[in-house]
Amino acid sequence: MARILITSAIPYINGIKHLGNLVGSQLPADLYARYMRARGHEVMFLCATDEHGTPAELAAAKTGEPVAEYCARMHGVQAELARGFRLSFDHFGRSSSPQNHRLTQYFAGRLAENGYIEEVAEKQVYSNADKRFLPDRYIEGTCPNCGYDKARGDQCENCTKQLDPTDLIEPRSAISGSTDLEVRETKHLYLRQSLMKDDLAAWIDSKTDWPILTTSIARKWLNDGDGLQDRGITRDLDWGIPVKRGEEDWPGMEGKVFYVWFDAPIEYIAAAAEWAEAQGRPEADWRRWWRTDEGAADVRYVQFMGKDNVPFHTLSFPATIMGSRDPWKLVDYIKSFNYLNYDGGQFSTSQGRGVFMDQALAILPSDYWRWWLLSHAPESSDSEFTWENFQASVNKDLADVLGNFVSRVTKFCRAKFGEVVPEGGSPGDRETELTDELYIRLRAYQAHMEAIEIRKAAGELRAIWVAGNEYLQAAAPWTAIKTEPETAAMQIRFSLNLIRLYAVLSAPFIPDASAALLKALDSGDDWPDDLPAALNRLAPGHAFATPDILFRKIADEEREGWQAQFAGARR
C-alpha cells in the first residue's frame, strides 16, 4: 500500500467557478484520488479556497459585505458545489485559516534567516482620499491603447493590453472614485528566487516523467529574457496575513500583508493541519504527510492545475520550501492542463459566457458532467465544450452503451428468472474470449489511470462497456432461452457480473451511477484484482433489485435551449 498526497489548485474565492476551472484541477484530482483509494492506497486529498488579495476585497465591496464575511459565505458556497460534483476531498480548507497564518509567517521567517528575503523600495500609487496605497487593480482609468474608460491598472479588460497604473489616462481610485492620487515610495519584501535558479533548474531537470506542458512552462520562466526574477511577497492591503517573521513583528512592515501568491500554496500544507484539528488528531498525523523527517519520505505527492498556475508551483512555491532549509515534502509529479474553451470562444466569468458549476448541477446530475469533462480533458491541447458534443457523448456513451446494457440485462432477468442471479449452465468459449479481452483492457485502463492519462483511461473504460454490449448482442439470451434455457441463464448471470464489474471500474468517473448499481446488486466495491473471480462474484441465488434508468437522453429541444441560455450575460 502506497501513501499518496494529492492537491488541486485552490480556487479563488470571488464567485462560482465555470466548468473550465473545474476540469483544470479539482475534477481530475478527484478522479485520481478515487482510483487510488479503490486500489487500496492511503490517500490524502486536499484543497481550499484562496481568500486573500485584491479581488476578494473588490468582490466583497460589490456585495456590501465585510471581506471576512464574504469569504466565509463563499467558502460555504464553493464547498457545497464541490459536494454536488462529488469531489472527495479529505479536507476543503481556507487560506485565511489560523493554521495558514502561522505557517506563512513561519516560512517568511525561515527564508529571512537564510538570506532569501530582501527589502526593496518601490514607487506605488497612493490615494489621499482613501488614505492608502492602491494595488494595480484598485486603479481605473482610460486605456491609452483602445480608449476603454474602465481599464484597470494592470490590464485593459477590453483590449487585454498589459498596463502599469501610470499608463492610464485620468486614473482614479476604484474604491472612492477619487482622482487625488500621487506616487509615493513604499518598501516591500521580495523572495530572492534568482539565488535558487540553479537548484530549481536541477530539480526540474530531474523530473523526467513530468508532462511536457509542465516542464516547458517551467523552463520558459527560468530561462526567457533575464531569467528567474525575484518576486514581491508583500502588499499594502488590509485583508491578508500580517507580515511577521515567525511570531515576531517585522520592523518597517507594519500594516502590510503577505502577497496572495506567497500564502496560497502554503495553504496546501495548512489544509492538512486544519484536517488534523477538525478530526481531533495530533499534529503528528498531518506532519507525516508533509515532513520528510516525520514520515513523508515515502509519500508520493501529486499536484493538479491549469497551465496558468504552473510557474508558481514549479518555481515560487518550491523556492519557498527549498529556501526554508527544512525537510518539507516537495511535489513528485505535476499534472497540468490546457484550457477548456466554450462553444467557439472562451468561458468568461465577467461576461457570464459558458456553464458555471451551480448552473450545471441545476440542469443535470453531476455524473453527466463528470463523464464529459473527464473524457474530453484538455491534456495535450486546448479542448472545446459544445452542446452538440455534450449531447452526443451523454446519449451514446452513458445512455446507449452503459445504461442500455444495464437495462436490457436486469429487465430480461427480472422477466424470465426473477430478481435473483439465475442458476444453470457453465461459461463457454464466448465468455472465455470476453474475459481474455477484458483482462487486457483492464490492465490498459489501470496503466492509464496510474499514469494520469485521463482521456486514454476514459476511452479504455468505454471500450470495456462496449465489449459487454457486443457480447450480449452475440449471445442473444432472449433467443437462447427458447431452446437452451440453461445457456440463457448462464449468459444473464455472466452479464450481471459484468454490470458489477462496470460499477466498480466506473466509480472514479461516475460515482453516483456506480453507487446506485452496487446498491441495486447488493454488492461490495472491491477492485477486480482477480478478474475471473470478479466475474463470478454474484453467485446463483443472489438477490438484486432492478435499478432505475441510469442515464436519460438529452433531447434536441433541451440542447438548443441550453445553448441559447448560456451564450452570455450570466444572471
Protein backbone atom coordinates (compact mmCIF):
# COMPACT_ATOMS: atom_id res chain seq x y z
CA MET A 1 0.00 0.00 0.00
CA ALA A 2 1.36 3.38 -1.05
CA ARG A 3 0.72 6.75 0.56
CA ILE A 4 -0.39 9.40 -1.93
CA LEU A 5 -0.79 13.11 -1.21
CA ILE A 6 -2.98 14.92 -3.76
CA THR A 7 -3.66 18.65 -4.05
CA SER A 8 -5.59 20.55 -6.69
CA ALA A 9 -5.02 24.24 -7.38
CA ILE A 10 -7.11 26.14 -4.89
CA PRO A 11 -10.00 28.10 -6.46
CA TYR A 12 -10.23 31.81 -5.86
CA ILE A 13 -12.98 32.95 -3.54
CA ASN A 14 -14.56 35.61 -5.77
CA GLY A 15 -17.53 33.80 -7.24
CA ILE A 16 -18.69 30.46 -8.59
CA LYS A 17 -16.34 28.72 -11.00
CA HIS A 18 -17.16 27.56 -14.52
CA LEU A 19 -16.64 24.09 -15.97
CA GLY A 20 -13.27 25.08 -17.44
CA ASN A 21 -11.98 25.80 -13.93
CA LEU A 22 -13.39 22.51 -12.67
CA VAL A 23 -11.77 20.28 -15.29
CA GLY A 24 -8.45 22.12 -14.98
CA SER A 25 -7.69 20.91 -11.46
CA GLN A 26 -10.28 19.67 -8.97
CA LEU A 27 -12.15 17.11 -11.07
CA PRO A 28 -9.14 15.20 -12.45
CA ALA A 29 -7.57 15.28 -8.99
CA ASP A 30 -10.74 13.68 -7.62
CA LEU A 31 -10.65 11.01 -10.34
CA TYR A 32 -7.09 10.10 -9.34
CA ALA A 33 -7.89 10.15 -5.62
CA ARG A 34 -10.89 7.88 -6.07
CA TYR A 35 -8.93 5.45 -8.21
CA MET A 36 -6.02 5.25 -5.78
CA ARG A 37 -8.35 4.67 -2.84
CA ALA A 38 -10.10 1.93 -4.81
CA ARG A 39 -6.73 0.23 -5.30
CA GLY A 40 -6.21 0.17 -1.55
CA HIS A 41 -3.74 3.03 -1.17
CA GLU A 42 -3.78 5.58 1.65
CA VAL A 43 -4.78 8.91 0.15
CA MET A 44 -4.81 12.46 1.50
CA PHE A 45 -6.71 14.72 -0.94
CA LEU A 46 -6.58 18.42 -0.03
CA CYS A 47 -7.99 21.61 -1.45
CA ALA A 48 -9.11 25.00 -0.12
CA THR A 49 -10.43 28.40 -1.11
CA ASP A 50 -7.87 31.11 -1.95
CA GLU A 51 -9.20 34.07 0.01
CA HIS A 52 -6.68 36.90 0.13
CA GLY A 53 -5.72 39.66 -2.27
CA THR A 54 -7.35 42.50 -4.14
CA PRO A 55 -10.09 40.51 -5.96
CA ALA A 56 -11.54 39.33 -2.64
CA GLU A 57 -11.78 42.90 -1.36
CA LEU A 58 -13.36 44.12 -4.60
CA ALA A 59 -15.87 41.25 -4.70
CA ALA A 60 -16.88 41.91 -1.09
CA ALA A 61 -17.25 45.62 -1.79
CA LYS A 62 -19.68 44.85 -4.63
CA THR A 63 -21.92 42.84 -2.31
CA GLY A 64 -21.61 45.32 0.55
CA GLU A 65 -20.23 42.68 2.93
CA PRO A 66 -17.14 42.88 5.14
CA VAL A 67 -14.49 40.91 3.31
CA ALA A 68 -14.15 38.29 6.07
CA GLU A 69 -17.90 37.62 6.00
CA TYR A 70 -17.92 37.48 2.21
CA CYS A 71 -15.11 34.92 2.19
CA ALA A 72 -16.79 32.79 4.85
CA ARG A 73 -20.03 32.77 2.88
CA MET A 74 -18.38 31.98 -0.45
CA HIS A 75 -16.32 29.20 1.11
CA GLY A 76 -19.60 27.59 2.11
CA VAL A 77 -20.96 28.03 -1.43
CA GLN A 78 -17.87 26.50 -3.04
CA ALA A 79 -17.79 23.64 -0.53
CA GLU A 80 -21.43 22.82 -1.30
CA LEU A 81 -20.75 22.83 -5.06
CA ALA A 82 -17.76 20.56 -4.51
CA ARG A 83 -20.06 18.13 -2.71
CA GLY A 84 -22.52 18.45 -5.59
CA PHE A 85 -19.85 17.32 -8.04
CA ARG A 86 -18.83 14.56 -5.61
CA LEU A 87 -15.31 15.90 -5.10
CA SER A 88 -13.97 13.59 -2.41
CA PHE A 89 -11.67 15.96 -0.52
CA ASP A 90 -10.34 14.72 2.79
CA HIS A 91 -10.40 18.40 3.73
CA PHE A 92 -11.53 21.56 1.95
CA GLY A 93 -9.80 24.34 3.82
CA ARG A 94 -9.40 28.11 3.77
CA SER A 95 -6.27 30.13 3.13
CA SER A 96 -7.47 32.60 5.78
CA SER A 97 -7.25 29.91 8.47
CA PRO A 98 -5.17 30.41 11.63
CA GLN A 99 -3.05 27.45 10.53
CA ASN A 100 -2.12 29.18 7.28
CA HIS A 101 -1.39 32.44 9.12
CA ARG A 102 1.11 30.63 11.35
CA LEU A 103 2.75 28.61 8.57
CA THR A 104 3.07 31.57 6.18
CA GLN A 105 4.70 33.71 8.86
CA TYR A 106 6.92 30.76 9.79
CA PHE A 107 8.14 30.29 6.20
CA ALA A 108 8.81 34.02 5.84
CA GLY A 109 10.91 33.95 8.98
CA ARG A 110 12.92 30.93 7.84
CA LEU A 111 13.52 32.48 4.40
CA ALA A 112 14.75 35.68 6.03
CA GLU A 113 17.09 33.75 8.33
CA ASN A 114 18.59 32.02 5.31
CA GLY A 115 19.12 35.20 3.29
CA TYR A 116 16.33 34.71 0.76
CA ILE A 117 14.30 37.81 1.66
CA GLU A 118 15.24 41.34 0.61
CA GLU A 119 13.61 44.67 1.41
CA VAL A 120 13.05 46.70 -1.75
CA ALA A 121 11.93 50.33 -2.02
CA GLU A 122 9.50 50.91 -4.86
CA LYS A 123 7.05 53.54 -6.02
CA GLN A 124 3.30 52.96 -5.92
CA VAL A 125 0.16 55.00 -6.36
CA TYR A 126 -1.28 56.45 -3.14
CA SER A 127 -4.85 57.72 -2.78
CA ASN A 128 -5.13 60.70 -0.47
CA ALA A 129 -8.89 60.30 -0.26
CA ASP A 130 -8.67 56.63 0.73
CA LYS A 131 -5.50 57.15 2.78
CA ARG A 132 -3.88 54.01 1.40
CA PHE A 133 -1.63 52.67 -1.33
CA LEU A 134 -3.64 51.26 -4.19
CA PRO A 135 -2.81 47.91 -5.76
CA ASP A 136 -2.90 47.96 -9.55
CA ARG A 137 -6.43 46.54 -9.68
CA TYR A 138 -7.71 49.32 -7.41
CA ILE A 139 -6.83 51.93 -10.04
CA GLU A 140 -9.10 52.60 -13.01
CA GLY A 141 -8.82 54.95 -15.95
CA THR A 142 -8.91 55.23 -19.71
CA CYS A 143 -6.81 52.76 -21.69
CA PRO A 144 -4.21 54.56 -23.82
CA ASN A 145 -4.42 51.76 -26.39
CA CYS A 146 -8.17 51.41 -27.10
CA GLY A 147 -9.86 54.22 -25.16
CA TYR A 148 -11.86 51.92 -22.86
CA ASP A 149 -12.76 54.08 -19.83
CA LYS A 150 -12.80 51.32 -17.20
CA ALA A 151 -9.35 49.84 -17.75
CA ARG A 152 -7.57 48.59 -14.62
CA GLY A 153 -4.07 49.49 -13.58
CA ASP A 154 -2.73 46.06 -14.52
CA GLN A 155 -4.62 45.28 -17.74
CA CYS A 156 -7.33 46.60 -20.02
CA GLU A 157 -10.21 44.12 -19.96
CA ASN A 158 -11.40 45.41 -23.33
CA CYS A 159 -8.26 45.04 -25.47
CA THR A 160 -6.24 42.85 -23.00
CA LYS A 161 -3.17 45.14 -23.19
CA GLN A 162 -0.89 44.83 -20.16
CA LEU A 163 -0.64 48.17 -18.34
CA ASP A 164 1.01 49.97 -15.46
CA PRO A 165 -1.12 52.36 -13.38
CA THR A 166 0.90 55.30 -14.69
CA ASP A 167 -0.12 54.39 -18.27
CA LEU A 168 -3.78 55.17 -17.59
CA ILE A 169 -5.37 58.41 -18.76
CA GLU A 170 -7.22 60.21 -15.95
CA PRO A 171 -6.59 57.49 -13.35
CA ARG A 172 -8.94 57.25 -10.36
CA SER A 173 -9.39 55.10 -7.27
CA ALA A 174 -11.67 52.09 -7.83
CA ILE A 175 -12.68 52.42 -4.16
CA SER A 176 -13.77 56.03 -3.89
CA GLY A 177 -13.53 57.31 -7.47
CA SER A 178 -11.12 60.00 -6.29
CA THR A 179 -8.55 61.37 -8.74
CA ASP A 180 -6.44 62.76 -5.89
CA LEU A 181 -3.63 60.30 -6.47
CA GLU A 182 0.11 60.59 -6.16
CA VAL A 183 3.12 58.35 -6.46
CA ARG A 184 4.86 57.58 -3.18
CA GLU A 185 7.72 55.35 -2.13
CA THR A 186 6.98 52.23 -0.07
CA LYS A 187 9.00 49.20 0.98
CA HIS A 188 8.18 45.60 0.24
CA LEU A 189 9.71 42.20 0.81
CA TYR A 190 10.99 40.22 -2.16
CA LEU A 191 11.68 36.49 -2.35
CA ARG A 192 15.14 36.17 -3.89
CA GLN A 193 14.21 33.43 -6.33
CA SER A 194 17.15 34.25 -8.56
CA LEU A 195 19.52 32.85 -5.90
CA MET A 196 17.82 29.47 -6.24
CA LYS A 197 17.74 29.31 -10.03
CA ASP A 198 20.36 26.56 -10.30
CA ASP A 199 18.73 24.47 -7.58
CA LEU A 200 15.32 24.83 -9.21
CA ALA A 201 16.69 24.03 -12.68
CA ALA A 202 18.39 20.86 -11.42
CA TRP A 203 15.22 19.81 -9.61
CA ILE A 204 13.03 20.37 -12.69
CA ASP A 205 15.55 18.55 -14.91
CA SER A 206 15.34 15.55 -12.59
CA LYS A 207 11.59 15.23 -13.23
CA THR A 208 11.91 13.28 -16.47
CA ASP A 209 8.41 11.81 -16.16
CA TRP A 210 6.60 15.15 -15.93
CA PRO A 211 4.25 16.20 -18.77
CA ILE A 212 5.94 18.28 -21.45
CA LEU A 213 3.39 21.04 -20.83
CA THR A 214 4.58 21.36 -17.22
CA THR A 215 8.35 21.32 -17.84
CA SER A 216 8.21 23.56 -20.91
CA ILE A 217 6.38 26.31 -19.00
CA ALA A 218 8.76 25.99 -16.03
CA ARG A 219 11.87 26.19 -18.22
CA LYS A 220 10.48 29.15 -20.13
CA TRP A 221 10.09 31.11 -16.90
CA LEU A 222 13.53 30.01 -15.76
CA ASN A 223 15.40 30.99 -18.88
CA ASP A 224 13.50 33.51 -21.02
CA GLY A 225 14.56 37.14 -21.00
CA ASP A 226 16.52 37.92 -17.86
CA GLY A 227 15.68 34.54 -16.34
CA LEU A 228 14.09 33.86 -13.00
CA GLN A 229 13.22 37.14 -11.27
CA ASP A 230 12.94 37.97 -7.60
CA ARG A 231 9.30 38.35 -6.64
CA GLY A 232 7.47 40.65 -4.25
CA ILE A 233 5.73 38.77 -1.46
CA THR A 234 4.02 41.65 0.39
CA ARG A 235 1.26 44.14 -0.42
CA ASP A 236 -0.26 47.27 1.09
CA LEU A 237 -3.68 45.79 1.85
CA ASP A 238 -5.91 45.42 4.88
CA TRP A 239 -7.10 41.89 4.13
CA GLY A 240 -4.47 39.17 4.33
CA ILE A 241 -1.89 37.57 6.58
CA PRO A 242 0.03 40.23 8.56
CA VAL A 243 3.73 40.37 7.76
CA LYS A 244 5.74 38.79 10.57
CA ARG A 245 8.96 36.83 11.00
CA GLY A 246 7.52 33.77 12.62
CA GLU A 247 5.84 35.12 15.75
CA GLU A 248 7.87 38.35 15.80
CA ASP A 249 6.92 41.70 14.28
CA TRP A 250 8.81 42.77 11.17
CA PRO A 251 10.11 46.33 11.61
CA GLY A 252 9.13 48.57 8.72
CA MET A 253 6.42 46.16 7.51
CA GLU A 254 3.67 47.36 9.82
CA GLY A 255 0.24 47.38 8.19
CA LYS A 256 1.31 45.18 5.29
CA VAL A 257 0.17 41.68 4.42
CA PHE A 258 1.74 38.82 2.51
CA TYR A 259 1.03 38.67 -1.21
CA VAL A 260 -1.69 36.14 -2.02
CA TRP A 261 0.63 34.09 -4.25
CA PHE A 262 3.03 33.62 -1.36
CA ASP A 263 0.48 32.41 1.17
CA ALA A 264 -1.88 30.48 -1.15
CA PRO A 265 0.39 27.48 -1.93
CA ILE A 266 1.37 27.25 1.74
CA GLU A 267 -2.32 26.57 2.37
CA TYR A 268 -1.78 23.09 0.88
CA ILE A 269 0.24 22.32 4.00
CA ALA A 270 -2.06 24.29 6.28
CA ALA A 271 -5.08 22.37 4.96
CA ALA A 272 -3.56 19.19 6.37
CA ALA A 273 -3.14 20.92 9.72
CA GLU A 274 -6.77 22.08 9.54
CA TRP A 275 -7.82 18.49 8.76
CA ALA A 276 -5.98 17.16 11.80
CA GLU A 277 -7.53 19.75 14.12
CA ALA A 278 -11.03 19.19 12.70
CA GLN A 279 -10.60 15.44 13.27
CA GLY A 280 -9.21 15.87 16.78
CA ARG A 281 -5.93 14.32 15.69
CA PRO A 282 -2.42 15.12 16.93
CA GLU A 283 -0.02 17.25 14.86
CA ALA A 284 1.99 14.16 14.01
CA ASP A 285 -0.90 12.90 11.88
CA TRP A 286 -0.62 15.75 9.38
CA ARG A 287 3.13 16.21 9.60
CA ARG A 288 3.67 12.62 8.42
CA TRP A 289 2.29 13.80 5.08
CA TRP A 290 4.48 16.89 4.77
CA ARG A 291 7.75 16.46 6.70
CA THR A 292 10.23 14.01 5.26
CA ASP A 293 11.84 13.65 8.69
CA GLU A 294 8.49 12.63 10.20
CA GLY A 295 7.26 10.01 7.75
CA ALA A 296 6.66 11.84 4.47
CA ALA A 297 9.76 10.47 2.76
CA ASP A 298 7.70 7.59 1.37
CA VAL A 299 4.77 9.79 0.27
CA ARG A 300 4.12 10.40 -3.42
CA TYR A 301 2.89 13.98 -3.82
CA VAL A 302 0.86 14.80 -6.96
CA GLN A 303 -0.47 18.26 -7.86
CA PHE A 304 -3.21 19.10 -10.39
CA MET A 305 -3.57 22.53 -12.01
CA GLY A 306 -4.24 24.57 -15.12
CA LYS A 307 -1.24 25.66 -17.16
CA ASP A 308 -1.51 29.26 -15.91
CA ASN A 309 -0.63 28.04 -12.40
CA VAL A 310 2.46 26.07 -13.41
CA PRO A 311 5.07 28.85 -12.89
CA PHE A 312 4.08 29.36 -9.26
CA HIS A 313 4.05 25.63 -8.49
CA THR A 314 7.30 24.78 -10.27
CA LEU A 315 9.26 27.86 -9.17
CA SER A 316 7.84 30.13 -6.46
CA PHE A 317 6.38 27.53 -4.09
CA PRO A 318 9.36 25.15 -4.45
CA ALA A 319 11.66 28.15 -3.86
CA THR A 320 9.75 28.87 -0.65
CA ILE A 321 10.15 25.28 0.52
CA MET A 322 13.80 24.95 -0.56
CA GLY A 323 14.69 28.31 0.93
CA SER A 324 13.33 27.34 4.33
CA ARG A 325 16.06 24.67 4.50
CA ASP A 326 13.55 22.48 6.38
CA PRO A 327 12.67 18.93 5.32
CA TRP A 328 9.28 19.74 3.79
CA LYS A 329 7.90 17.47 1.09
CA LEU A 330 8.38 18.70 -2.48
CA VAL A 331 5.98 17.69 -5.22
CA ASP A 332 6.81 14.50 -7.11
CA TYR A 333 4.51 14.95 -10.12
CA ILE A 334 2.58 17.90 -11.55
CA LYS A 335 -0.33 17.16 -13.86
CA SER A 336 -1.10 20.34 -15.75
CA PHE A 337 -3.93 21.04 -18.16
CA ASN A 338 -4.56 23.26 -21.13
CA TYR A 339 -7.75 25.30 -21.40
CA LEU A 340 -11.30 24.16 -21.99
CA ASN A 341 -12.95 26.63 -24.35
CA TYR A 342 -16.68 27.18 -24.74
CA ASP A 343 -18.68 26.78 -27.93
CA GLY A 344 -16.45 28.68 -30.36
CA GLY A 345 -14.95 31.08 -27.82
CA GLN A 346 -13.81 31.22 -24.23
CA PHE A 347 -15.53 30.75 -20.90
CA SER A 348 -15.90 34.20 -19.35
CA THR A 349 -16.69 34.81 -15.71
CA SER A 350 -17.13 38.55 -16.24
CA GLN A 351 -19.41 38.12 -19.27
CA GLY A 352 -21.23 35.07 -17.90
CA ARG A 353 -20.39 33.09 -21.02
CA GLY A 354 -20.45 29.34 -20.54
CA VAL A 355 -21.78 26.99 -17.89
CA PHE A 356 -20.97 27.57 -14.22
CA MET A 357 -20.89 24.84 -11.60
CA ASP A 358 -24.17 25.77 -9.93
CA GLN A 359 -25.97 26.04 -13.27
CA ALA A 360 -24.64 22.68 -14.44
CA LEU A 361 -25.98 20.89 -11.36
CA ALA A 362 -29.36 22.60 -11.77
CA ILE A 363 -29.66 21.09 -15.26
CA LEU A 364 -28.31 17.55 -14.89
CA PRO A 365 -26.78 15.32 -12.19
CA SER A 366 -23.03 15.51 -11.69
CA ASP A 367 -22.20 12.20 -13.43
CA TYR A 368 -23.26 13.60 -16.81
CA TRP A 369 -20.82 16.47 -16.44
CA ARG A 370 -18.05 14.39 -14.87
CA TRP A 371 -18.09 11.92 -17.74
CA TRP A 372 -17.99 14.52 -20.50
CA LEU A 373 -15.39 16.74 -18.84
CA LEU A 374 -13.02 13.90 -17.96
CA SER A 375 -13.38 12.09 -21.28
CA HIS A 376 -12.58 15.40 -23.03
CA ALA A 377 -9.96 16.67 -20.56
CA PRO A 378 -7.63 19.25 -22.21
CA GLU A 379 -4.42 17.30 -21.67
CA SER A 380 -2.29 17.58 -24.84
CA SER A 381 -4.02 20.69 -26.21
CA ASP A 382 -6.94 23.00 -25.55
CA SER A 383 -10.33 21.34 -25.96
CA GLU A 384 -13.77 22.77 -26.56
CA PHE A 385 -17.15 22.28 -24.98
CA THR A 386 -20.00 22.29 -27.48
CA TRP A 387 -23.58 21.42 -26.66
CA GLU A 388 -23.77 19.11 -29.68
CA ASN A 389 -20.76 17.13 -28.50
CA PHE A 390 -22.04 17.02 -24.93
CA GLN A 391 -25.44 15.73 -26.06
CA ALA A 392 -23.87 13.10 -28.33
CA SER A 393 -21.50 11.88 -25.63
CA VAL A 394 -24.21 11.60 -22.98
CA ASN A 395 -26.68 9.91 -25.31
CA LYS A 396 -24.21 7.49 -26.86
CA ASP A 397 -21.72 6.67 -24.11
CA LEU A 398 -23.85 6.88 -20.98
CA ALA A 399 -27.36 6.13 -22.18
CA ASP A 400 -26.86 3.84 -25.20
CA VAL A 401 -23.73 1.93 -24.18
CA LEU A 402 -23.65 1.66 -20.38
CA GLY A 403 -27.24 2.43 -19.44
CA ASN A 404 -28.77 0.29 -22.16
CA PHE A 405 -26.64 -2.73 -21.22
CA VAL A 406 -27.70 -2.50 -17.58
CA SER A 407 -31.37 -2.06 -18.52
CA ARG A 408 -31.50 -4.95 -21.00
CA VAL A 409 -29.79 -7.41 -18.66
CA THR A 410 -31.65 -6.61 -15.45
CA LYS A 411 -35.09 -6.30 -17.02
CA PHE A 412 -34.69 -9.53 -19.01
CA CYS A 413 -33.54 -11.33 -15.86
CA ARG A 414 -36.49 -9.99 -13.87
CA ALA A 415 -38.92 -11.08 -16.58
CA LYS A 416 -37.52 -14.58 -17.08
CA PHE A 417 -35.80 -15.54 -13.82
CA GLY A 418 -36.96 -13.03 -11.23
CA GLU A 419 -34.75 -10.55 -9.35
CA VAL A 420 -32.18 -13.18 -8.46
CA VAL A 421 -28.99 -14.33 -10.17
CA PRO A 422 -30.05 -17.42 -12.16
CA GLU A 423 -28.52 -20.87 -11.87
CA GLY A 424 -27.64 -23.20 -14.71
CA GLY A 425 -25.05 -23.62 -17.43
CA SER A 426 -21.31 -23.17 -17.49
CA PRO A 427 -19.37 -20.43 -19.29
CA GLY A 428 -18.20 -21.36 -22.76
CA ASP A 429 -15.83 -20.09 -25.43
CA ARG A 430 -17.64 -16.77 -25.87
CA GLU A 431 -17.35 -15.97 -22.16
CA THR A 432 -13.71 -17.06 -22.10
CA GLU A 433 -12.90 -14.84 -25.08
CA LEU A 434 -14.55 -11.84 -23.45
CA THR A 435 -12.75 -12.50 -20.16
CA ASP A 436 -9.43 -12.55 -22.03
CA GLU A 437 -10.28 -9.28 -23.78
CA LEU A 438 -11.36 -7.67 -20.51
CA TYR A 439 -8.13 -8.76 -18.84
CA ILE A 440 -6.11 -6.93 -21.48
CA ARG A 441 -8.34 -3.86 -21.35
CA LEU A 442 -8.36 -3.80 -17.56
CA ARG A 443 -4.56 -3.74 -17.49
CA ALA A 444 -4.54 -0.89 -20.02
CA TYR A 445 -7.17 1.03 -18.03
CA GLN A 446 -5.16 0.68 -14.83
CA ALA A 447 -1.94 1.74 -16.58
CA HIS A 448 -3.59 4.88 -17.96
CA MET A 449 -5.11 5.76 -14.58
CA GLU A 450 -1.79 5.31 -12.79
CA ALA A 451 -0.05 7.45 -15.42
CA ILE A 452 -2.88 10.04 -15.11
CA GLU A 453 -3.66 9.76 -18.82
CA ILE A 454 -7.28 10.70 -18.33
CA ARG A 455 -8.69 10.69 -21.85
CA LYS A 456 -6.99 7.38 -22.62
CA ALA A 457 -8.40 5.89 -19.41
CA ALA A 458 -11.90 7.11 -20.33
CA GLY A 459 -11.53 5.61 -23.79
CA GLU A 460 -10.49 2.25 -22.36
CA LEU A 461 -13.37 2.29 -19.87
CA ARG A 462 -15.83 2.96 -22.67
CA ALA A 463 -14.31 0.10 -24.68
CA ILE A 464 -14.92 -2.18 -21.69
CA TRP A 465 -18.59 -1.12 -21.66
CA VAL A 466 -18.83 -1.69 -25.43
CA ALA A 467 -17.36 -5.18 -25.09
CA GLY A 468 -20.26 -6.16 -22.84
CA ASN A 469 -22.81 -4.88 -25.33
CA GLU A 470 -21.17 -6.79 -28.16
CA TYR A 471 -21.16 -9.94 -26.04
CA LEU A 472 -24.83 -9.56 -25.17
CA GLN A 473 -25.80 -8.96 -28.77
CA ALA A 474 -23.86 -12.03 -29.94
CA ALA A 475 -25.03 -14.28 -27.10
CA ALA A 476 -28.68 -13.25 -27.57
CA PRO A 477 -30.10 -14.84 -24.39
CA TRP A 478 -33.60 -13.78 -25.49
CA THR A 479 -33.20 -16.29 -28.33
CA ALA A 480 -31.27 -18.94 -26.38
CA ILE A 481 -33.94 -19.14 -23.68
CA LYS A 482 -36.40 -20.63 -26.16
CA THR A 483 -34.32 -23.78 -26.75
CA GLU A 484 -31.42 -23.63 -24.25
CA PRO A 485 -32.71 -22.08 -21.02
CA GLU A 486 -29.62 -23.24 -19.09
CA THR A 487 -27.36 -21.37 -21.50
CA ALA A 488 -29.51 -18.25 -21.30
CA ALA A 489 -29.34 -18.41 -17.51
CA MET A 490 -25.54 -18.59 -17.62
CA GLN A 491 -25.35 -15.67 -20.06
CA ILE A 492 -27.50 -13.49 -17.84
CA ARG A 493 -25.53 -14.49 -14.73
CA PHE A 494 -22.31 -13.59 -16.55
CA SER A 495 -23.85 -10.29 -17.68
CA LEU A 496 -25.00 -9.39 -14.18
CA ASN A 497 -21.42 -9.86 -13.03
CA LEU A 498 -20.30 -7.63 -15.89
CA ILE A 499 -22.62 -4.92 -14.53
CA ARG A 500 -20.97 -5.22 -11.13
CA LEU A 501 -17.52 -5.06 -12.77
CA TYR A 502 -18.56 -1.94 -14.67
CA ALA A 503 -19.85 -0.32 -11.49
CA VAL A 504 -16.51 -0.85 -9.73
CA LEU A 505 -14.34 0.27 -12.66
CA SER A 506 -16.53 3.30 -13.43
CA ALA A 507 -16.73 4.65 -9.88
CA PRO A 508 -13.86 7.16 -10.25
CA PHE A 509 -15.60 8.70 -13.28
CA ILE A 510 -19.32 8.39 -12.42
CA PRO A 511 -19.55 7.71 -8.68
CA ASP A 512 -23.30 8.19 -8.27
CA ALA A 513 -24.27 5.77 -11.04
CA SER A 514 -21.74 3.25 -9.77
CA ALA A 515 -23.04 3.50 -6.21
CA ALA A 516 -26.62 3.05 -7.45
CA LEU A 517 -25.64 -0.10 -9.36
CA LEU A 518 -23.75 -1.61 -6.43
CA LYS A 519 -26.68 -0.88 -4.14
CA ALA A 520 -29.11 -2.50 -6.57
CA LEU A 521 -26.84 -5.53 -6.87
CA ASP A 522 -26.32 -5.62 -3.10
CA SER A 523 -22.58 -5.98 -3.61
CA GLY A 524 -19.29 -4.57 -2.37
CA ASP A 525 -16.89 -2.45 -4.40
CA ASP A 526 -13.62 -4.38 -4.06
CA TRP A 527 -11.31 -3.95 -7.05
CA PRO A 528 -11.14 -6.87 -9.56
CA ASP A 529 -7.51 -7.85 -8.97
CA ASP A 530 -8.64 -11.41 -9.77
CA LEU A 531 -10.79 -10.89 -12.88
CA PRO A 532 -12.21 -14.44 -13.20
CA ALA A 533 -13.23 -14.34 -9.54
CA ALA A 534 -14.80 -10.89 -10.05
CA LEU A 535 -16.88 -12.25 -12.93
CA ASN A 536 -18.26 -14.90 -10.59
CA ARG A 537 -18.79 -12.61 -7.60
CA LEU A 538 -22.59 -12.64 -7.86
CA ALA A 539 -23.39 -16.30 -7.26
CA PRO A 540 -26.59 -18.11 -8.28
CA GLY A 541 -29.39 -17.23 -5.90
CA HIS A 542 -28.00 -13.76 -5.07
CA ALA A 543 -30.92 -11.31 -4.93
CA PHE A 544 -30.82 -7.92 -6.61
CA ALA A 545 -33.15 -5.02 -7.39
CA THR A 546 -33.66 -3.84 -10.94
CA PRO A 547 -32.13 -0.33 -10.95
CA ASP A 548 -33.84 2.75 -12.30
CA ILE A 549 -32.73 4.17 -15.64
CA LEU A 550 -29.12 5.21 -15.13
CA PHE A 551 -28.93 8.00 -17.69
CA ARG A 552 -31.66 9.69 -19.67
CA LYS A 553 -31.06 11.01 -23.14
CA ILE A 554 -30.84 14.74 -23.88
CA ALA A 555 -33.44 15.91 -26.37
CA ASP A 556 -32.61 18.30 -29.20
CA GLU A 557 -35.00 20.89 -27.79
CA GLU A 558 -33.21 20.84 -24.43
CA ARG A 559 -29.82 21.24 -26.07
CA GLU A 560 -31.00 24.18 -28.15
CA GLY A 561 -32.48 25.86 -25.09
CA TRP A 562 -29.32 25.48 -23.06
CA GLN A 563 -27.18 26.70 -25.93
CA ALA A 564 -29.17 29.93 -26.04
CA GLN A 565 -29.36 30.26 -22.26
CA PHE A 566 -25.60 30.12 -21.68
CA ALA A 567 -24.38 32.19 -24.62
CA GLY A 568 -23.61 35.10 -22.25
CA ALA A 569 -24.92 37.56 -19.70
CA ARG A 570 -24.92 35.33 -16.61
CA ARG A 571 -27.71 36.48 -14.29
